[in-house]
């Protein structure tokens, strides 16, 4: 089902490399609307446009935003639109394939890429830490703590999967992290688009992060808008299991950022979210590192019990005592929320991201050579229901 309505552009609220943010009048009401500049031409106040209103009509968590489909020349005729020119248009890898909005991108792996030769040869992450989170908001505390603990000397690359929002430009958080130098570069994979580099899949993206962008560490997470159904497996958060296995298979250090909350009133997300328990307990076939923040004693005890019941204790668990995550989010002026809750309202959630950042920073600063020890299928115990 696709809901489409016509409206009149009243003002352009902001313009970035990737998007225009508009205020559009529809039936006398002003509504925020996003125009992705790679998919449609720029519009101006007074233009008649057609917008996709489906998500807002359904009350979904898209930030109350409509999305521009195209400009209309008259009340009856649609105009032909041309997107902004981009070097990526010289590539031949299509994203949003076989849809009316499919676009060509220059993928880092393809033959016309300057980096094709490099990616023909490399097959190891050389012990690079890779932090894998199930929610977009986790990248902020992880990046802030990692950079603070490496004196902001680390090259940190964000790899955005196509598990949620596909255009990287939709994320104000990524723009803020890049503007402050907390993230050095971005890669978008699968059907996600708009990164500094495009990649076909997570494996080549991580190899490009290490060998093309010279990353000291990568953070992998989907964009805004995780999909959930209230069932154990029916969520895009399950992607973390395969990503962690891929990191281990490529000789990296796989770090799972657990989704933790003591503010979420839903039982399935209280303590360790069932998304984390299911992905790491039932679907991840290699051992990874799971750092936890040290919380109140009763909260720590619940986390340990949940880990044991779900067989997460076969992974490398640790509890971080030193923690200034919440202060760093303030210092870097990162206004980030998760499920509508701020860091002050749900501190455990954000501190989990910080714990992962601290662990990665310790490895980056250490001269210890990494020798992968976890093999696929190594020592996996029977699962406990």
Protein backbone atom coordinates (compact mmCIF):
# COMPACT_ATOMS: atom_id res chain seq x y z
CA UNK A 1 0.00 0.00 0.00
CA UNK A 2 1.43 3.36 -1.06
CA UNK A 3 -0.27 6.56 0.11
CA UNK A 4 0.44 9.56 -2.14
CA UNK A 5 -0.77 13.13 -1.77
CA UNK A 6 -0.05 16.45 -3.41
CA UNK A 7 1.20 19.52 -1.61
CA UNK A 8 2.85 22.89 -2.12
CA UNK A 9 6.41 23.61 -0.96
CA UNK A 10 6.27 26.57 1.44
CA UNK A 11 9.89 26.70 2.59
CA UNK A 12 13.24 24.92 2.42
CA UNK A 13 14.33 24.35 6.02
CA UNK A 14 17.79 23.01 5.26
CA UNK A 15 20.01 21.57 2.55
CA UNK A 16 22.86 19.09 2.88
CA UNK A 17 24.85 17.07 0.40
CA UNK A 18 22.22 14.37 0.49
CA UNK A 19 18.83 15.92 1.26
CA UNK A 20 16.54 18.92 1.28
CA UNK A 21 14.36 19.33 4.37
CA UNK A 22 11.10 21.02 3.40
CA UNK A 23 7.90 22.35 4.89
CA UNK A 24 5.02 21.38 2.63
CA UNK A 25 1.42 22.53 2.85
CA UNK A 26 -1.13 19.74 2.44
CA UNK A 27 -4.80 20.62 2.97
CA UNK A 28 -3.85 23.71 4.94
CA UNK A 29 -1.40 21.89 7.24
CA UNK A 30 2.38 22.36 7.18
CA UNK A 31 4.21 19.03 7.34
CA UNK A 32 7.97 18.20 7.30
CA UNK A 33 9.05 16.50 4.08
CA UNK A 34 12.38 15.06 2.97
CA UNK A 35 13.69 15.21 -0.59
CA UNK A 36 16.59 12.87 -1.34
CA UNK A 37 18.65 14.81 -3.86
CA UNK A 38 20.06 11.69 -5.52
CA UNK A 39 16.52 10.49 -6.29
CA UNK A 40 14.78 13.72 -7.36
CA UNK A 41 15.63 17.23 -8.48
CA UNK A 42 15.78 20.07 -5.96
CA UNK A 43 12.48 21.86 -5.40
CA UNK A 44 11.71 25.44 -4.39
CA UNK A 45 9.02 27.36 -2.50
CA UNK A 46 5.84 27.40 -4.54
CA UNK A 47 6.51 24.09 -6.33
CA UNK A 48 3.67 21.58 -6.49
CA UNK A 49 4.95 18.14 -5.46
CA UNK A 50 3.74 14.61 -4.82
CA UNK A 51 4.76 13.01 -1.54
CA UNK A 52 4.66 9.57 0.04
CA UNK A 53 2.64 9.84 3.27
CA UNK A 54 2.34 6.11 4.05
CA UNK A 55 4.47 5.87 7.20
CA UNK A 56 2.99 8.97 8.83
CA UNK A 57 -0.52 7.81 7.95
CA UNK A 58 0.23 4.52 9.74
CA UNK A 59 1.77 6.28 12.74
CA UNK A 60 5.17 4.61 12.25
CA UNK A 61 8.40 5.90 13.74
CA UNK A 62 9.76 7.92 10.84
CA UNK A 63 9.90 11.17 12.76
CA UNK A 64 6.57 12.38 11.38
CA UNK A 65 8.12 13.00 7.97
CA UNK A 66 6.76 12.65 4.45
CA UNK A 67 9.02 11.88 1.48
CA UNK A 68 9.04 13.62 -1.87
CA UNK A 69 8.28 11.48 -4.91
CA UNK A 70 8.58 14.14 -7.60
CA UNK A 71 7.77 17.69 -8.61
CA UNK A 72 4.59 18.26 -10.63
CA UNK A 73 4.59 20.77 -13.51
CA UNK A 74 0.84 21.21 -13.42
CA UNK A 75 -2.12 19.85 -11.55
CA UNK A 76 -2.30 16.99 -14.05
CA UNK A 77 1.16 16.32 -15.45
CA UNK A 78 4.22 14.95 -13.69
CA UNK A 79 7.56 16.50 -14.66
CA UNK A 80 10.62 14.52 -15.61
CA UNK A 81 13.15 15.07 -12.85
CA UNK A 82 16.91 14.78 -12.83
CA UNK A 83 18.79 14.17 -9.61
CA UNK A 84 21.96 15.98 -8.61
CA UNK A 85 25.05 14.87 -10.49
CA UNK A 86 27.37 12.66 -8.50
CA UNK A 87 30.66 10.83 -9.15
CA UNK A 88 28.90 7.67 -7.98
CA UNK A 89 26.70 7.78 -11.08
CA UNK A 90 29.67 6.50 -13.10
CA UNK A 91 29.29 3.12 -11.42
CA UNK A 92 27.18 0.19 -12.49
CA UNK A 93 25.94 -1.26 -9.20
CA UNK A 94 22.23 -0.60 -8.85
CA UNK A 95 20.58 0.05 -5.51
CA UNK A 96 16.84 -0.11 -4.89
CA UNK A 97 17.01 -2.55 -7.80
CA UNK A 98 13.98 -3.13 -9.99
CA UNK A 99 11.98 -0.36 -8.38
CA UNK A 100 10.98 2.97 -9.99
CA UNK A 101 13.66 4.66 -7.84
CA UNK A 102 16.63 2.42 -8.68
CA UNK A 103 19.88 4.35 -8.84
CA UNK A 104 23.39 3.58 -10.03
CA UNK A 105 26.33 3.82 -7.65
CA UNK A 106 30.07 3.32 -7.92
CA UNK A 107 30.74 0.41 -5.61
CA UNK A 108 34.17 0.20 -4.02
CA UNK A 109 34.64 -3.34 -5.39
CA UNK A 110 33.69 -2.92 -9.06
CA UNK A 111 36.23 -2.85 -11.86
CA UNK A 112 35.94 0.89 -12.53
CA UNK A 113 36.70 1.67 -8.88
CA UNK A 114 40.16 2.91 -7.96
CA UNK A 115 40.18 0.31 -5.19
CA UNK A 116 39.21 -2.75 -7.22
CA UNK A 117 42.76 -4.07 -7.21
CA UNK A 118 43.11 -3.76 -3.45
CA UNK A 119 39.91 -5.68 -2.80
CA UNK A 120 40.98 -8.42 -5.19
CA UNK A 121 43.91 -9.18 -2.93
CA UNK A 122 42.88 -8.68 0.71
CA UNK A 123 41.04 -11.22 2.85
CA UNK A 124 41.84 -10.28 6.45
CA UNK A 125 40.79 -7.56 8.89
CA UNK A 126 44.12 -8.02 10.68
CA UNK A 127 42.59 -8.00 14.15
CA UNK A 128 40.64 -4.78 13.64
CA UNK A 129 37.93 -4.29 16.27
CA UNK A 130 34.44 -4.25 14.78
CA UNK A 131 31.63 -3.06 17.05
CA UNK A 132 28.22 -4.38 15.99
CA UNK A 133 25.01 -2.82 17.29
CA UNK A 134 21.35 -3.61 16.68
CA UNK A 135 20.12 0.00 16.91
CA UNK A 136 21.33 3.14 15.15
CA UNK A 137 21.50 5.19 18.35
CA UNK A 138 24.23 2.94 19.78
CA UNK A 139 26.83 4.35 17.40
CA UNK A 140 26.94 7.67 19.29
CA UNK A 141 28.12 6.46 22.73
CA UNK A 142 30.43 3.88 21.18
CA UNK A 143 32.12 6.47 18.95
CA UNK A 144 32.35 9.13 21.65
CA UNK A 145 33.96 6.82 24.23
CA UNK A 146 36.31 5.18 21.71
CA UNK A 147 37.60 8.53 20.49
CA UNK A 148 37.93 10.01 23.97
CA UNK A 149 39.97 7.02 25.11
CA UNK A 150 42.29 7.16 22.09
CA UNK A 151 42.80 10.94 22.40
CA UNK A 152 40.71 11.29 19.25
CA UNK A 153 43.48 9.71 17.21
CA UNK A 154 41.58 6.68 15.92
CA UNK A 155 40.24 6.34 12.39
CA UNK A 156 36.72 5.09 13.01
CA UNK A 157 34.53 4.03 10.08
CA UNK A 158 30.76 3.61 10.31
CA UNK A 159 29.28 0.85 8.13
CA UNK A 160 25.52 1.30 7.68
CA UNK A 161 23.56 -1.82 6.73
CA UNK A 162 20.27 -1.86 4.86
CA UNK A 163 18.31 -3.22 7.83
CA UNK A 164 16.37 0.02 8.35
CA UNK A 165 16.60 3.45 6.69
CA UNK A 166 18.33 3.10 3.33
CA UNK A 167 19.57 6.69 2.73
CA UNK A 168 22.44 7.56 5.06
CA UNK A 169 21.54 11.22 4.60
CA UNK A 170 18.40 10.73 6.69
CA UNK A 171 20.52 10.40 9.84
CA UNK A 172 21.28 13.70 11.56
CA UNK A 173 23.31 11.68 14.08
CA UNK A 174 25.83 10.49 11.50
CA UNK A 175 26.24 14.04 10.18
CA UNK A 176 26.92 15.29 13.71
CA UNK A 177 29.46 12.53 14.42
CA UNK A 178 31.30 13.21 11.17
CA UNK A 179 31.26 16.98 11.63
CA UNK A 180 32.94 16.55 15.02
CA UNK A 181 35.49 14.08 13.71
CA UNK A 182 34.18 11.24 15.88
CA UNK A 183 33.60 9.21 12.72
CA UNK A 184 36.20 9.47 9.97
CA UNK A 185 34.21 7.99 7.08
CA UNK A 186 31.10 6.01 6.21
CA UNK A 187 30.28 3.01 4.03
CA UNK A 188 26.77 2.01 2.98
CA UNK A 189 26.09 -1.60 2.01
CA UNK A 190 23.43 -3.62 0.24
CA UNK A 191 20.61 -1.29 -0.76
CA UNK A 192 21.64 1.41 1.70
CA UNK A 193 23.23 4.37 -0.09
CA UNK A 194 24.90 7.71 0.47
CA UNK A 195 28.08 6.70 2.29
CA UNK A 196 31.54 7.99 1.44
CA UNK A 197 31.99 4.55 -0.10
CA UNK A 198 29.36 2.12 -1.40
CA UNK A 199 29.81 -1.63 -1.00
CA UNK A 200 27.95 -4.70 -2.16
CA UNK A 201 27.96 -6.48 1.20
CA UNK A 202 29.25 -6.39 4.76
CA UNK A 203 32.38 -8.45 4.04
CA UNK A 204 33.77 -6.24 1.31
CA UNK A 205 32.69 -3.17 3.27
CA UNK A 206 34.75 -4.20 6.30
CA UNK A 207 37.74 -5.06 4.12
CA UNK A 208 37.41 -1.68 2.42
CA UNK A 209 37.18 -0.02 5.81
CA UNK A 210 40.43 -1.61 6.88
CA UNK A 211 42.48 -1.52 3.68
CA UNK A 212 41.05 1.42 1.71
CA UNK A 213 40.02 3.82 4.49
CA UNK A 214 42.79 2.58 6.85
CA UNK A 215 40.36 2.21 9.75
CA UNK A 216 41.56 1.40 13.25
CA UNK A 217 38.04 0.21 14.06
CA UNK A 218 34.60 -0.03 12.49
CA UNK A 219 31.11 0.37 13.91
CA UNK A 220 28.39 -1.57 12.11
CA UNK A 221 24.70 -0.80 12.62
CA UNK A 222 21.58 -0.19 10.58
CA UNK A 223 20.22 3.29 10.03
CA UNK A 224 17.27 4.77 11.91
CA UNK A 225 14.06 2.74 12.05
CA UNK A 226 14.60 -0.85 13.22
CA UNK A 227 11.77 -3.20 12.27
CA UNK A 228 10.21 -5.26 15.07
CA UNK A 229 7.18 -7.51 15.31
CA UNK A 230 7.16 -8.61 18.95
CA UNK A 231 8.38 -12.08 17.92
CA UNK A 232 11.83 -13.49 18.74
CA UNK A 233 13.10 -13.65 15.15
CA UNK A 234 10.90 -11.11 13.35
CA UNK A 235 13.22 -8.10 13.57
CA UNK A 236 16.00 -6.70 11.44
CA UNK A 237 18.13 -6.72 14.62
CA UNK A 238 18.85 -10.40 13.89
CA UNK A 239 21.39 -9.23 11.29
CA UNK A 240 24.01 -8.80 14.01
CA UNK A 241 24.54 -12.58 14.32
CA UNK A 242 25.73 -13.04 10.75
CA UNK A 243 27.80 -9.86 10.88
CA UNK A 244 29.64 -10.99 14.01
CA UNK A 245 30.35 -14.39 12.45
CA UNK A 246 31.67 -12.60 9.35
CA UNK A 247 34.01 -10.45 11.42
CA UNK A 248 35.47 -13.53 13.09
CA UNK A 249 35.79 -15.37 9.77
CA UNK A 250 37.76 -12.43 8.35
CA UNK A 251 40.14 -12.28 11.30
CA UNK A 252 38.68 -9.29 13.11
CA UNK A 253 37.73 -8.81 16.75
CA UNK A 254 33.96 -9.11 16.90
CA UNK A 255 32.33 -6.97 19.61
CA UNK A 256 28.58 -7.22 20.15
CA UNK A 257 27.00 -4.13 21.71
CA UNK A 258 24.18 -5.55 23.85
CA UNK A 259 20.83 -3.79 23.86
CA UNK A 260 20.13 -3.12 27.54
CA UNK A 261 17.41 -1.15 29.24
CA UNK A 262 15.93 -0.81 32.69
CA UNK A 263 13.61 1.96 31.53
CA UNK A 264 11.73 0.01 28.85
CA UNK A 265 8.48 -1.25 30.36
CA UNK A 266 8.10 -4.06 27.83
CA UNK A 267 9.22 -7.31 29.52
CA UNK A 268 10.93 -8.58 26.34
CA UNK A 269 13.26 -5.58 26.35
CA UNK A 270 13.89 -5.34 30.11
CA UNK A 271 17.48 -6.02 31.11
CA UNK A 272 19.01 -7.57 28.00
CA UNK A 273 16.60 -7.25 25.09
CA UNK A 274 15.28 -10.49 23.62
CA UNK A 275 16.73 -9.26 20.31
CA UNK A 276 20.25 -9.55 21.76
CA UNK A 277 19.52 -12.79 23.59
CA UNK A 278 18.12 -14.45 20.48
CA UNK A 279 20.77 -13.25 18.05
CA UNK A 280 23.75 -14.03 20.27
CA UNK A 281 22.32 -17.10 21.98
CA UNK A 282 20.75 -18.94 19.05
CA UNK A 283 22.08 -17.54 15.77
CA UNK A 284 25.69 -16.43 16.29
CA UNK A 285 27.96 -19.43 15.62
CA UNK A 286 31.29 -18.00 16.77
CA UNK A 287 32.45 -16.47 20.01
CA UNK A 288 32.39 -12.71 20.23
CA UNK A 289 33.14 -10.15 22.93
CA UNK A 290 30.18 -8.73 24.86
CA UNK A 291 31.16 -5.83 27.14
CA UNK A 292 28.62 -4.67 29.72
CA UNK A 293 28.64 -1.51 31.80
CA UNK A 294 28.74 -2.10 35.53
CA UNK A 295 25.35 -1.04 36.88
CA UNK A 296 23.60 -1.40 40.23
CA UNK A 297 24.29 -4.81 41.86
CA UNK A 298 20.76 -6.08 41.33
CA UNK A 299 20.85 -5.01 37.68
CA UNK A 300 24.23 -6.66 37.14
CA UNK A 301 22.87 -9.85 38.67
CA UNK A 302 19.89 -9.87 36.32
CA UNK A 303 22.19 -9.41 33.31
CA UNK A 304 24.35 -12.33 34.44
CA UNK A 305 21.28 -14.55 34.91
CA UNK A 306 19.95 -13.64 31.48
CA UNK A 307 23.32 -14.42 29.91
CA UNK A 308 23.42 -17.83 31.55
CA UNK A 309 19.86 -18.78 30.62
CA UNK A 310 20.30 -17.73 26.99
CA UNK A 311 23.79 -19.33 26.69
CA UNK A 312 25.49 -15.98 26.17
CA UNK A 313 28.12 -17.01 28.70
CA UNK A 314 29.84 -19.04 25.96
CA UNK A 315 30.97 -15.66 24.58
CA UNK A 316 33.67 -13.46 26.15
CA UNK A 317 31.76 -11.41 28.74
CA UNK A 318 33.20 -8.45 30.63
CA UNK A 319 31.95 -5.67 32.89
CA UNK A 320 33.40 -2.17 32.57
CA UNK A 321 33.76 -0.22 35.80
CA UNK A 322 35.16 3.10 34.53
CA UNK A 323 32.47 4.92 32.64
CA UNK A 324 31.93 8.54 31.60
CA UNK A 325 29.63 7.80 28.65
CA UNK A 326 26.77 10.07 29.68
CA UNK A 327 29.12 12.99 30.33
CA UNK A 328 30.80 12.56 26.93
CA UNK A 329 27.46 12.64 25.13
CA UNK A 330 26.86 16.01 26.76
CA UNK A 331 30.39 17.26 26.09
CA UNK A 332 30.10 16.42 22.38
CA UNK A 333 26.58 17.89 22.27
CA UNK A 334 25.12 14.65 20.91
CA UNK A 335 21.36 14.86 21.27
CA UNK A 336 20.54 11.20 20.76
CA UNK A 337 17.52 9.21 21.88
CA UNK A 338 16.50 5.58 21.69
CA UNK A 339 12.82 4.68 21.54
CA UNK A 340 12.20 8.30 22.47
CA UNK A 341 14.29 8.12 25.64
CA UNK A 342 17.33 10.28 26.35
CA UNK A 343 20.57 9.10 27.93
CA UNK A 344 19.39 10.47 31.28
CA UNK A 345 16.14 8.54 31.01
CA UNK A 346 17.72 5.26 29.92
CA UNK A 347 21.37 5.37 31.02
CA UNK A 348 22.04 1.62 30.83
CA UNK A 349 21.26 1.57 27.11
CA UNK A 350 23.81 4.25 26.24
CA UNK A 351 26.40 3.03 28.71
CA UNK A 352 26.39 -0.33 26.90
CA UNK A 353 27.55 1.46 23.77
CA UNK A 354 30.21 3.23 25.80
CA UNK A 355 31.50 -0.06 27.22
CA UNK A 356 32.06 -1.36 23.69
CA UNK A 357 33.87 1.82 22.71
CA UNK A 358 36.18 1.56 25.71
CA UNK A 359 37.08 -2.05 24.95
CA UNK A 360 37.91 -1.22 21.34
CA UNK A 361 40.03 1.74 22.44
CA UNK A 362 42.07 -0.49 24.74
CA UNK A 363 42.85 -2.81 21.83
CA UNK A 364 43.74 0.06 19.51
CA UNK A 365 46.23 1.44 22.01
CA UNK A 366 47.68 -1.97 22.82
CA UNK A 367 50.68 -3.27 20.91
CA UNK A 368 49.48 -6.84 21.42
CA UNK A 369 49.22 -8.78 18.15
CA UNK A 370 45.80 -10.27 17.61
CA UNK A 371 45.61 -13.99 16.92
CA UNK A 372 42.03 -15.12 16.21
CA UNK A 373 41.11 -17.99 18.51
CA UNK A 374 37.38 -18.39 17.92
CA UNK A 375 36.48 -20.60 14.97
CA UNK A 376 33.05 -21.06 13.50
CA UNK A 377 31.16 -23.69 15.46
CA UNK A 378 33.84 -23.88 18.13
CA UNK A 379 32.49 -25.08 21.43
CA UNK A 380 28.87 -24.00 21.04
CA UNK A 381 26.87 -25.56 23.86
CA UNK A 382 23.25 -26.73 23.56
CA UNK A 383 20.82 -23.85 23.62
CA UNK A 384 18.72 -23.33 26.72
CA UNK A 385 15.10 -22.25 26.34
